Amino acid sequence: MRLLLDTHVWLWSFLAAERLSPRVLGELGNPDNELWLSPISIWELVVLCQKKRIILDQEVDAWVADKLSVVPLKEAPVTHEVALQTARLQLPHRDPADRFLIATARVFELTLVTADERLLRLCDVSLLANR
């Protein structure tokens, strides 16, 4: 599978692995799966750190570099096609990060790994529920 990690799933994998379901943990650890991360998730982490909603044990840039070296992820680029795809989405909320993640999953044919109940109600994108 080609898995796009929602921001919280990526963060939980390092900061709160107990919040991940056995299925998600298994898929993240499966060497046959490709793991993808959007730069939007890095941006969300930066914002969370600036708001002091997440406190890391080092500066955010060093933390990200460290974690990307431990678990290499493919970068899901924010392309023109992804940006245009956001206009075609019918989401139950206006979170711009979620719009980009769903658009990215659609454009690159990735399965979004998420625990977000609002996103799990979508039926027009491949999803792996963290339940």
N, C-alpha and C. Protein backbone atom coordinates (compact mmCIF):
# COMPACT_ATOMS: atom_id res chain seq x y z
N MET A 1 0.84 -1.19 0.00
CA MET A 1 0.00 0.00 0.00
C MET A 1 0.88 1.25 0.00
N ARG A 2 0.32 2.31 -0.52
CA ARG A 2 0.99 3.61 -0.53
C ARG A 2 0.22 4.49 0.46
N LEU A 3 0.82 4.73 1.61
CA LEU A 3 0.12 5.36 2.73
C LEU A 3 0.59 6.80 2.94
N LEU A 4 -0.37 7.73 2.90
CA LEU A 4 -0.11 9.12 3.26
C LEU A 4 -0.52 9.30 4.71
N LEU A 5 0.44 9.68 5.54
CA LEU A 5 0.15 9.83 6.97
C LEU A 5 -0.47 11.18 7.26
N ASP A 6 -1.63 11.15 7.91
CA ASP A 6 -2.20 12.39 8.41
C ASP A 6 -1.23 12.92 9.47
N THR A 7 -1.24 14.20 9.69
CA THR A 7 -0.27 14.82 10.59
C THR A 7 -0.27 14.16 11.96
N HIS A 8 -1.45 13.95 12.52
CA HIS A 8 -1.50 13.37 13.88
C HIS A 8 -0.97 11.94 13.89
N VAL A 9 -1.21 11.18 12.85
CA VAL A 9 -0.69 9.81 12.80
C VAL A 9 0.83 9.82 12.77
N TRP A 10 1.40 10.71 11.96
CA TRP A 10 2.86 10.83 11.91
C TRP A 10 3.42 11.22 13.27
N LEU A 11 2.81 12.22 13.90
CA LEU A 11 3.29 12.67 15.21
C LEU A 11 3.12 11.58 16.28
N TRP A 12 1.95 10.94 16.29
CA TRP A 12 1.71 9.88 17.27
C TRP A 12 2.72 8.75 17.12
N SER A 13 3.16 8.47 15.88
CA SER A 13 4.09 7.37 15.69
C SER A 13 5.39 7.59 16.47
N PHE A 14 5.71 8.84 16.79
CA PHE A 14 6.90 9.15 17.57
C PHE A 14 6.59 9.59 19.01
N LEU A 15 5.48 10.28 19.20
CA LEU A 15 5.20 10.90 20.49
C LEU A 15 4.16 10.16 21.33
N ALA A 16 3.34 9.33 20.70
CA ALA A 16 2.28 8.65 21.43
C ALA A 16 1.83 7.40 20.67
N ALA A 17 2.75 6.49 20.46
CA ALA A 17 2.46 5.29 19.67
C ALA A 17 1.29 4.49 20.21
N GLU A 18 1.03 4.62 21.50
CA GLU A 18 -0.10 3.89 22.10
C GLU A 18 -1.45 4.36 21.54
N ARG A 19 -1.47 5.51 20.89
CA ARG A 19 -2.71 6.02 20.29
C ARG A 19 -2.99 5.41 18.91
N LEU A 20 -2.02 4.67 18.38
CA LEU A 20 -2.19 4.04 17.08
C LEU A 20 -2.77 2.64 17.26
N SER A 21 -3.69 2.29 16.38
CA SER A 21 -4.32 0.97 16.44
C SER A 21 -3.32 -0.11 16.02
N PRO A 22 -3.55 -1.35 16.44
CA PRO A 22 -2.67 -2.43 16.01
C PRO A 22 -2.59 -2.54 14.48
N ARG A 23 -3.71 -2.32 13.80
CA ARG A 23 -3.69 -2.40 12.33
C ARG A 23 -2.79 -1.33 11.74
N VAL A 24 -2.93 -0.08 12.22
CA VAL A 24 -2.11 1.00 11.69
C VAL A 24 -0.64 0.76 12.02
N LEU A 25 -0.34 0.35 13.24
CA LEU A 25 1.05 0.04 13.60
C LEU A 25 1.62 -1.03 12.68
N GLY A 26 0.82 -2.05 12.39
CA GLY A 26 1.27 -3.11 11.51
C GLY A 26 1.55 -2.61 10.10
N GLU A 27 0.66 -1.77 9.59
CA GLU A 27 0.85 -1.24 8.23
C GLU A 27 2.04 -0.28 8.17
N LEU A 28 2.24 0.51 9.22
CA LEU A 28 3.38 1.42 9.24
C LEU A 28 4.70 0.65 9.29
N GLY A 29 4.69 -0.50 9.94
CA GLY A 29 5.89 -1.31 10.06
C GLY A 29 6.09 -2.30 8.91
N ASN A 30 5.14 -2.39 8.02
CA ASN A 30 5.22 -3.34 6.91
C ASN A 30 6.17 -2.82 5.84
N PRO A 31 7.28 -3.49 5.60
CA PRO A 31 8.26 -3.00 4.64
C PRO A 31 7.75 -2.98 3.19
N ASP A 32 6.64 -3.66 2.93
CA ASP A 32 6.06 -3.65 1.58
C ASP A 32 5.28 -2.37 1.30
N ASN A 33 4.96 -1.62 2.34
CA ASN A 33 4.20 -0.38 2.18
C ASN A 33 5.14 0.80 1.97
N GLU A 34 4.69 1.75 1.16
CA GLU A 34 5.37 3.03 1.00
C GLU A 34 4.72 4.02 1.96
N LEU A 35 5.53 4.73 2.73
CA LEU A 35 5.01 5.74 3.65
C LEU A 35 5.30 7.12 3.07
N TRP A 36 4.28 7.95 3.00
CA TRP A 36 4.36 9.28 2.42
C TRP A 36 3.99 10.32 3.47
N LEU A 37 4.61 11.50 3.35
CA LEU A 37 4.30 12.63 4.23
C LEU A 37 4.23 13.89 3.38
N SER A 38 3.23 14.69 3.64
CA SER A 38 3.09 15.96 2.95
C SER A 38 3.85 17.04 3.70
N PRO A 39 4.45 18.00 2.98
CA PRO A 39 5.06 19.15 3.66
C PRO A 39 4.04 19.93 4.48
N ILE A 40 2.77 19.77 4.16
CA ILE A 40 1.70 20.41 4.94
C ILE A 40 1.74 19.90 6.38
N SER A 41 2.08 18.65 6.58
CA SER A 41 2.18 18.11 7.94
C SER A 41 3.33 18.74 8.71
N ILE A 42 4.43 19.02 8.03
CA ILE A 42 5.54 19.72 8.68
C ILE A 42 5.09 21.12 9.08
N TRP A 43 4.39 21.79 8.17
CA TRP A 43 3.86 23.13 8.46
C TRP A 43 2.92 23.08 9.66
N GLU A 44 2.05 22.07 9.72
CA GLU A 44 1.14 21.95 10.87
C GLU A 44 1.92 21.77 12.16
N LEU A 45 2.98 20.98 12.13
CA LEU A 45 3.81 20.80 13.33
C LEU A 45 4.45 22.11 13.75
N VAL A 46 4.96 22.87 12.80
CA VAL A 46 5.56 24.18 13.12
C VAL A 46 4.53 25.07 13.82
N VAL A 47 3.31 25.11 13.28
CA VAL A 47 2.25 25.93 13.87
C VAL A 47 1.92 25.45 15.28
N LEU A 48 1.80 24.14 15.45
CA LEU A 48 1.50 23.58 16.78
C LEU A 48 2.60 23.92 17.79
N CYS A 49 3.84 23.89 17.35
CA CYS A 49 4.96 24.25 18.24
C CYS A 49 4.93 25.74 18.58
N GLN A 50 4.64 26.57 17.59
CA GLN A 50 4.57 28.01 17.83
C GLN A 50 3.47 28.35 18.82
N LYS A 51 2.37 27.63 18.76
CA LYS A 51 1.24 27.86 19.67
C LYS A 51 1.43 27.15 21.01
N LYS A 52 2.57 26.43 21.14
CA LYS A 52 2.89 25.68 22.37
C LYS A 52 1.89 24.55 22.64
N ARG A 53 1.23 24.06 21.58
CA ARG A 53 0.33 22.92 21.73
C ARG A 53 1.10 21.61 21.70
N ILE A 54 2.31 21.67 21.15
CA ILE A 54 3.24 20.54 21.19
C ILE A 54 4.59 21.08 21.62
N ILE A 55 5.19 20.41 22.59
CA ILE A 55 6.53 20.78 23.05
C ILE A 55 7.45 19.62 22.69
N LEU A 56 8.45 19.92 21.87
CA LEU A 56 9.41 18.91 21.46
C LEU A 56 10.66 18.99 22.31
N ASP A 57 11.46 17.94 22.30
CA ASP A 57 12.68 17.92 23.09
C ASP A 57 13.86 18.58 22.38
N GLN A 58 13.62 19.15 21.20
CA GLN A 58 14.63 19.90 20.45
C GLN A 58 13.92 20.85 19.51
N GLU A 59 14.66 21.69 18.82
CA GLU A 59 14.07 22.63 17.87
C GLU A 59 13.34 21.84 16.78
N VAL A 60 12.26 22.42 16.27
CA VAL A 60 11.41 21.70 15.33
C VAL A 60 12.18 21.24 14.09
N ASP A 61 13.07 22.06 13.55
CA ASP A 61 13.80 21.64 12.35
C ASP A 61 14.71 20.44 12.64
N ALA A 62 15.36 20.44 13.79
CA ALA A 62 16.22 19.31 14.17
C ALA A 62 15.37 18.07 14.45
N TRP A 63 14.22 18.26 15.10
CA TRP A 63 13.32 17.14 15.40
C TRP A 63 12.86 16.48 14.11
N VAL A 64 12.42 17.29 13.16
CA VAL A 64 11.93 16.76 11.88
C VAL A 64 13.06 16.02 11.16
N ALA A 65 14.24 16.63 11.09
CA ALA A 65 15.37 15.98 10.41
C ALA A 65 15.69 14.64 11.07
N ASP A 66 15.68 14.62 12.39
CA ASP A 66 15.96 13.38 13.12
C ASP A 66 14.92 12.31 12.80
N LYS A 67 13.65 12.67 12.85
CA LYS A 67 12.59 11.69 12.63
C LYS A 67 12.57 11.21 11.18
N LEU A 68 12.87 12.09 10.23
CA LEU A 68 12.91 11.67 8.83
C LEU A 68 14.10 10.77 8.53
N SER A 69 15.15 10.87 9.36
CA SER A 69 16.28 9.97 9.17
C SER A 69 15.99 8.60 9.79
N VAL A 70 15.17 8.56 10.83
CA VAL A 70 14.81 7.31 11.49
C VAL A 70 13.83 6.51 10.63
N VAL A 71 12.81 7.19 10.14
CA VAL A 71 11.79 6.56 9.30
C VAL A 71 11.71 7.38 8.01
N PRO A 72 12.42 6.95 6.98
CA PRO A 72 12.39 7.70 5.73
C PRO A 72 10.99 7.64 5.11
N LEU A 73 10.49 8.79 4.75
CA LEU A 73 9.18 8.91 4.12
C LEU A 73 9.33 9.56 2.77
N LYS A 74 8.49 9.16 1.84
CA LYS A 74 8.47 9.84 0.55
C LYS A 74 7.74 11.16 0.73
N GLU A 75 8.27 12.20 0.11
CA GLU A 75 7.63 13.50 0.21
C GLU A 75 6.52 13.61 -0.84
N ALA A 76 5.33 13.92 -0.40
CA ALA A 76 4.18 14.11 -1.29
C ALA A 76 4.13 15.60 -1.64
N PRO A 77 4.59 15.96 -2.82
CA PRO A 77 4.72 17.38 -3.14
C PRO A 77 3.37 18.10 -3.27
N VAL A 78 3.39 19.36 -2.93
CA VAL A 78 2.23 20.22 -3.14
C VAL A 78 2.38 20.80 -4.54
N THR A 79 1.72 20.19 -5.49
CA THR A 79 1.83 20.57 -6.89
C THR A 79 0.66 21.46 -7.30
N HIS A 80 0.75 21.97 -8.51
CA HIS A 80 -0.38 22.74 -9.06
C HIS A 80 -1.64 21.87 -9.10
N GLU A 81 -1.48 20.63 -9.48
CA GLU A 81 -2.62 19.72 -9.56
C GLU A 81 -3.25 19.51 -8.19
N VAL A 82 -2.42 19.37 -7.16
CA VAL A 82 -2.94 19.21 -5.79
C VAL A 82 -3.71 20.46 -5.39
N ALA A 83 -3.12 21.63 -5.65
CA ALA A 83 -3.80 22.88 -5.29
C ALA A 83 -5.14 23.01 -6.00
N LEU A 84 -5.20 22.66 -7.27
CA LEU A 84 -6.46 22.74 -8.00
C LEU A 84 -7.47 21.71 -7.50
N GLN A 85 -6.99 20.55 -7.10
CA GLN A 85 -7.87 19.50 -6.58
C GLN A 85 -8.61 19.96 -5.32
N THR A 86 -7.99 20.85 -4.54
CA THR A 86 -8.65 21.31 -3.31
C THR A 86 -9.97 22.00 -3.61
N ALA A 87 -10.10 22.58 -4.79
CA ALA A 87 -11.35 23.26 -5.17
C ALA A 87 -12.48 22.27 -5.46
N ARG A 88 -12.13 21.02 -5.71
CA ARG A 88 -13.13 20.01 -6.07
C ARG A 88 -13.61 19.20 -4.87
N LEU A 89 -13.14 19.54 -3.70
CA LEU A 89 -13.46 18.76 -2.50
C LEU A 89 -14.75 19.23 -1.84
N GLN A 90 -15.49 18.27 -1.36
CA GLN A 90 -16.67 18.55 -0.55
C GLN A 90 -16.38 18.01 0.85
N LEU A 91 -15.73 18.85 1.67
CA LEU A 91 -15.38 18.43 3.03
C LEU A 91 -16.37 19.01 4.04
N PRO A 92 -16.56 18.30 5.16
CA PRO A 92 -17.50 18.79 6.18
C PRO A 92 -16.95 19.93 7.02
N HIS A 93 -15.75 20.39 6.73
CA HIS A 93 -15.15 21.49 7.48
C HIS A 93 -14.18 22.22 6.56
N ARG A 94 -13.63 23.33 7.01
CA ARG A 94 -12.82 24.17 6.14
C ARG A 94 -11.33 24.13 6.48
N ASP A 95 -10.87 23.15 7.21
CA ASP A 95 -9.47 23.05 7.59
C ASP A 95 -8.59 22.97 6.33
N PRO A 96 -7.74 23.98 6.10
CA PRO A 96 -6.93 23.98 4.87
C PRO A 96 -5.93 22.82 4.82
N ALA A 97 -5.40 22.41 5.94
CA ALA A 97 -4.45 21.30 5.94
C ALA A 97 -5.14 20.01 5.48
N ASP A 98 -6.32 19.77 5.99
CA ASP A 98 -7.06 18.57 5.59
C ASP A 98 -7.39 18.62 4.10
N ARG A 99 -7.72 19.79 3.59
CA ARG A 99 -8.02 19.92 2.16
C ARG A 99 -6.80 19.51 1.33
N PHE A 100 -5.62 19.96 1.74
CA PHE A 100 -4.41 19.61 1.01
C PHE A 100 -4.09 18.12 1.14
N LEU A 101 -4.29 17.55 2.32
CA LEU A 101 -4.00 16.13 2.50
C LEU A 101 -4.93 15.25 1.66
N ILE A 102 -6.21 15.56 1.66
CA ILE A 102 -7.16 14.79 0.85
C ILE A 102 -6.85 14.96 -0.63
N ALA A 103 -6.58 16.19 -1.05
CA ALA A 103 -6.24 16.44 -2.45
C ALA A 103 -4.97 15.68 -2.84
N THR A 104 -3.99 15.65 -1.97
CA THR A 104 -2.75 14.93 -2.22
C THR A 104 -3.02 13.43 -2.38
N ALA A 105 -3.83 12.89 -1.47
CA ALA A 105 -4.17 11.46 -1.56
C ALA A 105 -4.85 11.15 -2.89
N ARG A 106 -5.74 12.01 -3.32
CA ARG A 106 -6.43 11.80 -4.60
C ARG A 106 -5.45 11.86 -5.77
N VAL A 107 -4.67 12.92 -5.84
CA VAL A 107 -3.79 13.15 -6.99
C VAL A 107 -2.75 12.05 -7.12
N PHE A 108 -2.15 11.64 -6.02
CA PHE A 108 -1.08 10.65 -6.07
C PHE A 108 -1.57 9.22 -5.79
N GLU A 109 -2.90 9.06 -5.69
CA GLU A 109 -3.51 7.75 -5.45
C GLU A 109 -2.91 7.06 -4.23
N LEU A 110 -2.97 7.80 -3.12
CA LEU A 110 -2.46 7.31 -1.84
C LEU A 110 -3.63 7.01 -0.91
N THR A 111 -3.39 6.18 0.07
CA THR A 111 -4.37 5.90 1.11
C THR A 111 -4.04 6.77 2.31
N LEU A 112 -4.97 7.62 2.71
CA LEU A 112 -4.75 8.49 3.86
C LEU A 112 -4.99 7.72 5.15
N VAL A 113 -3.98 7.72 6.02
CA VAL A 113 -4.08 7.06 7.33
C VAL A 113 -4.47 8.14 8.32
N THR A 114 -5.66 8.00 8.93
CA THR A 114 -6.16 9.05 9.80
C THR A 114 -7.06 8.50 10.90
N ALA A 115 -7.17 9.27 11.96
CA ALA A 115 -8.14 9.00 13.02
C ALA A 115 -9.24 10.05 13.03
N ASP A 116 -9.17 10.98 12.10
CA ASP A 116 -10.12 12.10 12.03
C ASP A 116 -11.47 11.60 11.55
N GLU A 117 -12.44 11.56 12.46
CA GLU A 117 -13.77 11.04 12.14
C GLU A 117 -14.43 11.81 11.00
N ARG A 118 -14.17 13.11 10.91
CA ARG A 118 -14.76 13.89 9.81
C ARG A 118 -14.24 13.40 8.47
N LEU A 119 -12.97 13.07 8.40
CA LEU A 119 -12.39 12.58 7.16
C LEU A 119 -12.78 11.14 6.87
N LEU A 120 -12.98 10.35 7.92
CA LEU A 120 -13.33 8.95 7.74
C LEU A 120 -14.73 8.78 7.16
N ARG A 121 -15.52 9.82 7.14
CA ARG A 121 -16.86 9.76 6.54
C ARG A 121 -16.82 9.96 5.02
N LEU A 122 -15.66 10.35 4.49
CA LEU A 122 -15.53 10.57 3.05
C LEU A 122 -15.51 9.22 2.34
N CYS A 123 -16.10 9.18 1.16
CA CYS A 123 -16.12 7.92 0.43
C CYS A 123 -15.41 8.02 -0.92
N ASP A 124 -14.86 9.17 -1.23
CA ASP A 124 -14.25 9.34 -2.55
C ASP A 124 -12.72 9.39 -2.49
N VAL A 125 -12.16 8.87 -1.41
CA VAL A 125 -10.70 8.78 -1.27
C VAL A 125 -10.41 7.51 -0.47
N SER A 126 -9.26 6.90 -0.76
CA SER A 126 -8.88 5.69 -0.05
C SER A 126 -8.41 6.06 1.36
N LEU A 127 -8.96 5.38 2.37
CA LEU A 127 -8.66 5.70 3.77
C LEU A 127 -8.30 4.44 4.55
N LEU A 128 -7.41 4.62 5.51
CA LEU A 128 -7.11 3.58 6.49
C LEU A 128 -7.39 4.21 7.85
N ALA A 129 -8.41 3.68 8.52
CA ALA A 129 -8.85 4.25 9.79
C ALA A 129 -7.97 3.79 10.94
N ASN A 130 -7.59 4.74 11.78
CA ASN A 130 -6.89 4.41 13.01
C ASN A 130 -7.97 4.21 14.08
N ARG A 131 -8.48 3.00 14.14
CA ARG A 131 -9.54 2.66 15.10
C ARG A 131 -9.16 1.39 15.82
